[in-house]
């Protein structure tokens, strides 16, 4: 039987994880998740209005879906292996969806 040396692996036990890592992970889950959900709601509302829905109906539908998306984002940010990937997906996704919503809305008006 062979044993593997895990001394050089990433920290997995609570004793090895610093406070900065925990704060960054919580910030990613809350702030990054909010940014991603903001972009999702913006883009979805604009696309809903472009598809013929009233603004109020599109906004209400997207707010209901946004709650579910935020819970999924929060859970993923806490459980993901790579914190940098979480920040990249949340910030990049939120910014790109918000930019797309802004571009589509400017074309519609």
N, C-alpha and C. Protein backbone atom coordinates (compact mmCIF):
# COMPACT_ATOMS: atom_id res chain seq x y z
N UNK A 1 0.82 -1.18 0.00
CA UNK A 1 0.00 0.00 0.00
C UNK A 1 0.87 1.25 0.00
N UNK A 2 0.52 2.22 -0.79
CA UNK A 2 1.28 3.45 -0.83
C UNK A 2 0.47 4.56 -0.20
N UNK A 3 1.15 5.47 0.39
CA UNK A 3 0.47 6.63 0.96
C UNK A 3 0.83 7.85 0.14
N UNK A 4 -0.09 8.76 0.06
CA UNK A 4 0.16 9.98 -0.70
C UNK A 4 0.51 11.09 0.25
N UNK A 5 1.39 11.95 -0.18
CA UNK A 5 1.80 13.10 0.62
C UNK A 5 0.92 14.28 0.26
N UNK A 6 0.14 14.75 1.20
CA UNK A 6 -0.76 15.86 0.95
C UNK A 6 -0.29 17.14 1.62
N UNK A 7 0.96 17.20 2.03
CA UNK A 7 1.46 18.39 2.72
C UNK A 7 1.56 19.60 1.79
N UNK A 8 1.72 19.39 0.50
CA UNK A 8 1.85 20.51 -0.42
C UNK A 8 0.53 20.87 -1.11
N UNK A 9 -0.56 20.23 -0.73
CA UNK A 9 -1.84 20.53 -1.37
C UNK A 9 -2.44 21.80 -0.78
N UNK A 10 -3.52 22.23 -1.37
CA UNK A 10 -4.18 23.45 -0.91
C UNK A 10 -4.79 23.22 0.46
N UNK A 11 -4.97 24.29 1.23
CA UNK A 11 -5.51 24.12 2.57
C UNK A 11 -6.96 23.65 2.53
N UNK A 12 -7.25 22.62 3.31
CA UNK A 12 -8.61 22.10 3.34
C UNK A 12 -9.19 22.06 4.74
N UNK A 13 -8.33 22.11 5.74
CA UNK A 13 -8.83 22.06 7.11
C UNK A 13 -9.03 23.48 7.63
N UNK A 14 -9.96 23.67 8.57
CA UNK A 14 -10.21 25.01 9.09
C UNK A 14 -8.99 25.65 9.74
N UNK A 15 -8.08 24.85 10.26
CA UNK A 15 -6.90 25.41 10.90
C UNK A 15 -5.96 26.05 9.89
N UNK A 16 -5.97 25.58 8.64
CA UNK A 16 -5.05 26.08 7.62
C UNK A 16 -5.63 27.22 6.79
N UNK A 17 -6.91 27.48 6.90
CA UNK A 17 -7.55 28.52 6.12
C UNK A 17 -7.51 29.82 6.93
N UNK A 18 -6.97 30.87 6.34
CA UNK A 18 -6.86 32.14 7.02
C UNK A 18 -8.15 32.94 6.98
N UNK A 19 -8.19 33.97 7.80
CA UNK A 19 -9.38 34.83 7.87
C UNK A 19 -9.60 35.58 6.57
N UNK A 20 -8.51 35.96 5.89
CA UNK A 20 -8.64 36.67 4.62
C UNK A 20 -9.32 35.82 3.56
N UNK A 21 -9.02 34.53 3.56
CA UNK A 21 -9.65 33.62 2.60
C UNK A 21 -11.15 33.52 2.86
N UNK A 22 -11.51 33.43 4.12
CA UNK A 22 -12.92 33.32 4.48
C UNK A 22 -13.66 34.61 4.12
N UNK A 23 -13.06 35.75 4.42
CA UNK A 23 -13.69 37.03 4.10
C UNK A 23 -13.84 37.19 2.59
N UNK A 24 -12.82 36.79 1.83
CA UNK A 24 -12.90 36.89 0.37
C UNK A 24 -13.97 35.96 -0.19
N UNK A 25 -14.10 34.78 0.37
CA UNK A 25 -15.12 33.84 -0.10
C UNK A 25 -16.53 34.35 0.22
N UNK A 26 -16.72 34.90 1.41
CA UNK A 26 -18.03 35.45 1.77
C UNK A 26 -18.33 36.68 0.91
N UNK A 27 -17.33 37.52 0.69
CA UNK A 27 -17.53 38.69 -0.17
C UNK A 27 -17.87 38.27 -1.60
N UNK A 28 -17.21 37.22 -2.08
CA UNK A 28 -17.52 36.73 -3.43
C UNK A 28 -18.94 36.22 -3.49
N UNK A 29 -19.37 35.50 -2.46
CA UNK A 29 -20.72 34.95 -2.49
C UNK A 29 -21.77 36.04 -2.41
N UNK A 30 -21.54 37.07 -1.61
CA UNK A 30 -22.54 38.13 -1.46
C UNK A 30 -22.43 39.20 -2.55
N UNK A 31 -21.26 39.82 -2.66
CA UNK A 31 -21.10 40.92 -3.61
C UNK A 31 -21.02 40.42 -5.06
N UNK A 32 -20.24 39.37 -5.28
CA UNK A 32 -20.15 38.83 -6.63
C UNK A 32 -21.45 38.22 -7.10
N UNK A 33 -22.12 37.51 -6.19
CA UNK A 33 -23.44 36.96 -6.53
C UNK A 33 -24.44 38.04 -6.85
N UNK A 34 -24.38 39.14 -6.10
CA UNK A 34 -25.28 40.27 -6.37
C UNK A 34 -24.99 40.86 -7.75
N UNK A 35 -23.71 41.01 -8.10
CA UNK A 35 -23.35 41.55 -9.40
C UNK A 35 -23.86 40.66 -10.54
N UNK A 36 -23.71 39.35 -10.36
CA UNK A 36 -24.18 38.43 -11.40
C UNK A 36 -25.70 38.48 -11.51
N UNK A 37 -26.38 38.51 -10.40
CA UNK A 37 -27.85 38.56 -10.42
C UNK A 37 -28.33 39.89 -11.00
N UNK A 38 -27.63 40.99 -10.71
CA UNK A 38 -27.98 42.29 -11.28
C UNK A 38 -27.92 42.22 -12.81
N UNK A 39 -26.85 41.67 -13.34
CA UNK A 39 -26.74 41.54 -14.79
C UNK A 39 -27.81 40.63 -15.37
N UNK A 40 -28.11 39.55 -14.67
CA UNK A 40 -29.15 38.62 -15.11
C UNK A 40 -30.51 39.30 -15.18
N UNK A 41 -30.85 40.04 -14.14
CA UNK A 41 -32.14 40.74 -14.11
C UNK A 41 -32.20 41.82 -15.18
N UNK A 42 -31.12 42.56 -15.33
CA UNK A 42 -31.09 43.62 -16.34
C UNK A 42 -31.28 43.05 -17.74
N UNK A 43 -30.49 42.04 -18.06
CA UNK A 43 -30.58 41.44 -19.39
C UNK A 43 -31.93 40.76 -19.61
N UNK A 44 -32.39 40.03 -18.63
CA UNK A 44 -33.67 39.34 -18.77
C UNK A 44 -34.84 40.29 -18.92
N UNK A 45 -34.81 41.40 -18.18
CA UNK A 45 -35.89 42.38 -18.29
C UNK A 45 -35.90 43.02 -19.66
N UNK A 46 -34.75 43.39 -20.16
CA UNK A 46 -34.67 44.00 -21.49
C UNK A 46 -35.12 43.01 -22.56
N UNK A 47 -34.67 41.76 -22.45
CA UNK A 47 -35.08 40.76 -23.44
C UNK A 47 -36.58 40.46 -23.34
N UNK A 48 -37.13 40.47 -22.13
CA UNK A 48 -38.56 40.26 -21.96
C UNK A 48 -39.37 41.36 -22.60
N UNK A 49 -38.94 42.61 -22.39
CA UNK A 49 -39.64 43.75 -23.01
C UNK A 49 -39.49 43.69 -24.53
N UNK A 50 -38.31 43.30 -25.00
CA UNK A 50 -38.10 43.18 -26.45
C UNK A 50 -38.96 42.08 -27.05
N UNK A 51 -39.29 41.06 -26.23
CA UNK A 51 -40.11 39.96 -26.72
C UNK A 51 -41.60 40.26 -26.65
N UNK A 52 -41.96 41.40 -26.07
CA UNK A 52 -43.37 41.78 -26.05
C UNK A 52 -44.02 41.78 -24.67
N UNK A 53 -43.30 41.42 -23.63
CA UNK A 53 -43.86 41.46 -22.28
C UNK A 53 -43.93 42.91 -21.82
N UNK A 54 -44.83 43.17 -20.88
CA UNK A 54 -44.81 44.49 -20.27
C UNK A 54 -43.61 44.56 -19.33
N UNK A 55 -43.18 45.78 -19.05
CA UNK A 55 -42.00 45.95 -18.20
C UNK A 55 -42.25 45.36 -16.81
N UNK A 56 -43.42 45.59 -16.26
CA UNK A 56 -43.73 45.09 -14.92
C UNK A 56 -43.73 43.56 -14.87
N UNK A 57 -44.29 42.94 -15.90
CA UNK A 57 -44.30 41.47 -15.94
C UNK A 57 -42.89 40.90 -16.09
N UNK A 58 -42.11 41.50 -16.95
CA UNK A 58 -40.74 41.02 -17.15
C UNK A 58 -39.92 41.20 -15.88
N UNK A 59 -40.07 42.33 -15.23
CA UNK A 59 -39.32 42.60 -14.01
C UNK A 59 -39.73 41.66 -12.88
N UNK A 60 -41.02 41.43 -12.74
CA UNK A 60 -41.49 40.52 -11.69
C UNK A 60 -41.00 39.10 -11.92
N UNK A 61 -41.08 38.63 -13.15
CA UNK A 61 -40.59 37.29 -13.47
C UNK A 61 -39.10 37.16 -13.17
N UNK A 62 -38.33 38.16 -13.57
CA UNK A 62 -36.88 38.08 -13.35
C UNK A 62 -36.52 38.22 -11.88
N UNK A 63 -37.27 38.98 -11.11
CA UNK A 63 -37.00 39.06 -9.67
C UNK A 63 -37.26 37.72 -9.00
N UNK A 64 -38.28 37.01 -9.42
CA UNK A 64 -38.55 35.69 -8.86
C UNK A 64 -37.42 34.71 -9.21
N UNK A 65 -36.96 34.76 -10.44
CA UNK A 65 -35.86 33.89 -10.85
C UNK A 65 -34.53 34.32 -10.20
N UNK A 66 -34.39 35.62 -9.94
CA UNK A 66 -33.15 36.14 -9.36
C UNK A 66 -32.91 35.58 -7.96
N UNK A 67 -33.98 35.40 -7.20
CA UNK A 67 -33.81 34.84 -5.86
C UNK A 67 -33.20 33.44 -5.95
N UNK A 68 -33.71 32.63 -6.85
CA UNK A 68 -33.17 31.28 -7.02
C UNK A 68 -31.72 31.32 -7.50
N UNK A 69 -31.43 32.20 -8.44
CA UNK A 69 -30.06 32.31 -8.95
C UNK A 69 -29.10 32.77 -7.85
N UNK A 70 -29.54 33.69 -7.00
CA UNK A 70 -28.67 34.17 -5.93
C UNK A 70 -28.34 33.06 -4.94
N UNK A 71 -29.32 32.23 -4.63
CA UNK A 71 -29.07 31.10 -3.72
C UNK A 71 -28.06 30.13 -4.34
N UNK A 72 -28.21 29.85 -5.62
CA UNK A 72 -27.28 28.96 -6.31
C UNK A 72 -25.87 29.59 -6.33
N UNK A 73 -25.79 30.87 -6.63
CA UNK A 73 -24.50 31.56 -6.64
C UNK A 73 -23.84 31.52 -5.27
N UNK A 74 -24.60 31.76 -4.23
CA UNK A 74 -24.07 31.74 -2.88
C UNK A 74 -23.50 30.36 -2.54
N UNK A 75 -24.26 29.33 -2.83
CA UNK A 75 -23.80 27.97 -2.52
C UNK A 75 -22.57 27.61 -3.33
N UNK A 76 -22.54 27.99 -4.61
CA UNK A 76 -21.39 27.67 -5.44
C UNK A 76 -20.14 28.41 -4.97
N UNK A 77 -20.31 29.68 -4.58
CA UNK A 77 -19.16 30.47 -4.14
C UNK A 77 -18.55 29.89 -2.87
N UNK A 78 -19.36 29.35 -2.01
CA UNK A 78 -18.86 28.77 -0.76
C UNK A 78 -18.19 27.42 -1.02
N UNK A 79 -18.72 26.64 -1.96
CA UNK A 79 -18.23 25.28 -2.15
C UNK A 79 -17.21 25.13 -3.28
N UNK A 80 -16.99 26.14 -4.08
CA UNK A 80 -16.08 26.02 -5.21
C UNK A 80 -14.63 25.88 -4.75
N UNK A 81 -13.86 25.15 -5.53
CA UNK A 81 -12.45 24.96 -5.20
C UNK A 81 -11.62 26.21 -5.46
N UNK A 82 -11.88 26.87 -6.57
CA UNK A 82 -11.07 28.01 -6.98
C UNK A 82 -11.81 29.32 -6.71
N UNK A 83 -11.31 30.07 -5.76
CA UNK A 83 -11.92 31.35 -5.43
C UNK A 83 -11.74 32.36 -6.55
N UNK A 84 -10.61 32.29 -7.24
CA UNK A 84 -10.40 33.22 -8.36
C UNK A 84 -11.38 32.94 -9.50
N UNK A 85 -11.73 31.69 -9.71
CA UNK A 85 -12.72 31.36 -10.74
C UNK A 85 -14.09 31.92 -10.37
N UNK A 86 -14.43 31.86 -9.09
CA UNK A 86 -15.71 32.40 -8.62
C UNK A 86 -15.77 33.90 -8.89
N UNK A 87 -14.72 34.63 -8.51
CA UNK A 87 -14.69 36.07 -8.76
C UNK A 87 -14.75 36.37 -10.26
N UNK A 88 -14.04 35.60 -11.06
CA UNK A 88 -14.03 35.82 -12.50
C UNK A 88 -15.41 35.60 -13.12
N UNK A 89 -16.07 34.52 -12.74
CA UNK A 89 -17.40 34.24 -13.28
C UNK A 89 -18.41 35.29 -12.84
N UNK A 90 -18.38 35.64 -11.56
CA UNK A 90 -19.35 36.60 -11.05
C UNK A 90 -19.13 37.99 -11.62
N UNK A 91 -17.89 38.47 -11.57
CA UNK A 91 -17.61 39.82 -12.07
C UNK A 91 -17.73 39.89 -13.59
N UNK A 92 -17.15 38.92 -14.28
CA UNK A 92 -17.22 38.91 -15.73
C UNK A 92 -18.63 38.69 -16.25
N UNK A 93 -19.32 37.75 -15.64
CA UNK A 93 -20.70 37.48 -16.07
C UNK A 93 -21.63 38.65 -15.79
N UNK A 94 -21.51 39.21 -14.60
CA UNK A 94 -22.36 40.36 -14.26
C UNK A 94 -22.09 41.55 -15.15
N UNK A 95 -20.81 41.84 -15.39
CA UNK A 95 -20.47 42.99 -16.24
C UNK A 95 -20.91 42.76 -17.69
N UNK A 96 -20.70 41.57 -18.20
CA UNK A 96 -21.06 41.33 -19.60
C UNK A 96 -22.58 41.32 -19.80
N UNK A 97 -23.32 40.76 -18.86
CA UNK A 97 -24.79 40.79 -18.99
C UNK A 97 -25.34 42.20 -18.84
N UNK A 98 -24.76 42.99 -17.93
CA UNK A 98 -25.21 44.37 -17.77
C UNK A 98 -24.89 45.19 -19.02
N UNK A 99 -23.71 44.98 -19.58
CA UNK A 99 -23.34 45.68 -20.81
C UNK A 99 -24.25 45.27 -21.97
N UNK A 100 -24.54 43.99 -22.08
CA UNK A 100 -25.46 43.53 -23.14
C UNK A 100 -26.85 44.12 -22.96
N UNK A 101 -27.32 44.18 -21.72
CA UNK A 101 -28.64 44.78 -21.46
C UNK A 101 -28.64 46.25 -21.84
N UNK A 102 -27.57 46.95 -21.50
CA UNK A 102 -27.49 48.37 -21.83
C UNK A 102 -27.48 48.58 -23.34
N UNK A 103 -26.73 47.76 -24.07
CA UNK A 103 -26.66 47.89 -25.52
C UNK A 103 -28.01 47.59 -26.17
N UNK A 104 -28.67 46.55 -25.71
CA UNK A 104 -29.98 46.19 -26.28
C UNK A 104 -31.00 47.27 -25.96
N UNK A 105 -31.00 47.76 -24.74
CA UNK A 105 -31.95 48.81 -24.35
C UNK A 105 -31.72 50.09 -25.15
N UNK A 106 -30.47 50.42 -25.41
CA UNK A 106 -30.20 51.64 -26.19
C UNK A 106 -30.66 51.48 -27.63
N UNK A 107 -30.67 50.26 -28.15
CA UNK A 107 -31.16 50.02 -29.51
C UNK A 107 -32.69 50.07 -29.58
N UNK A 108 -33.34 49.68 -28.48
CA UNK A 108 -34.80 49.66 -28.46
C UNK A 108 -35.41 51.05 -28.30
N UNK A 109 -34.69 51.94 -27.64
CA UNK A 109 -35.25 53.26 -27.38
C UNK A 109 -34.99 54.23 -28.47
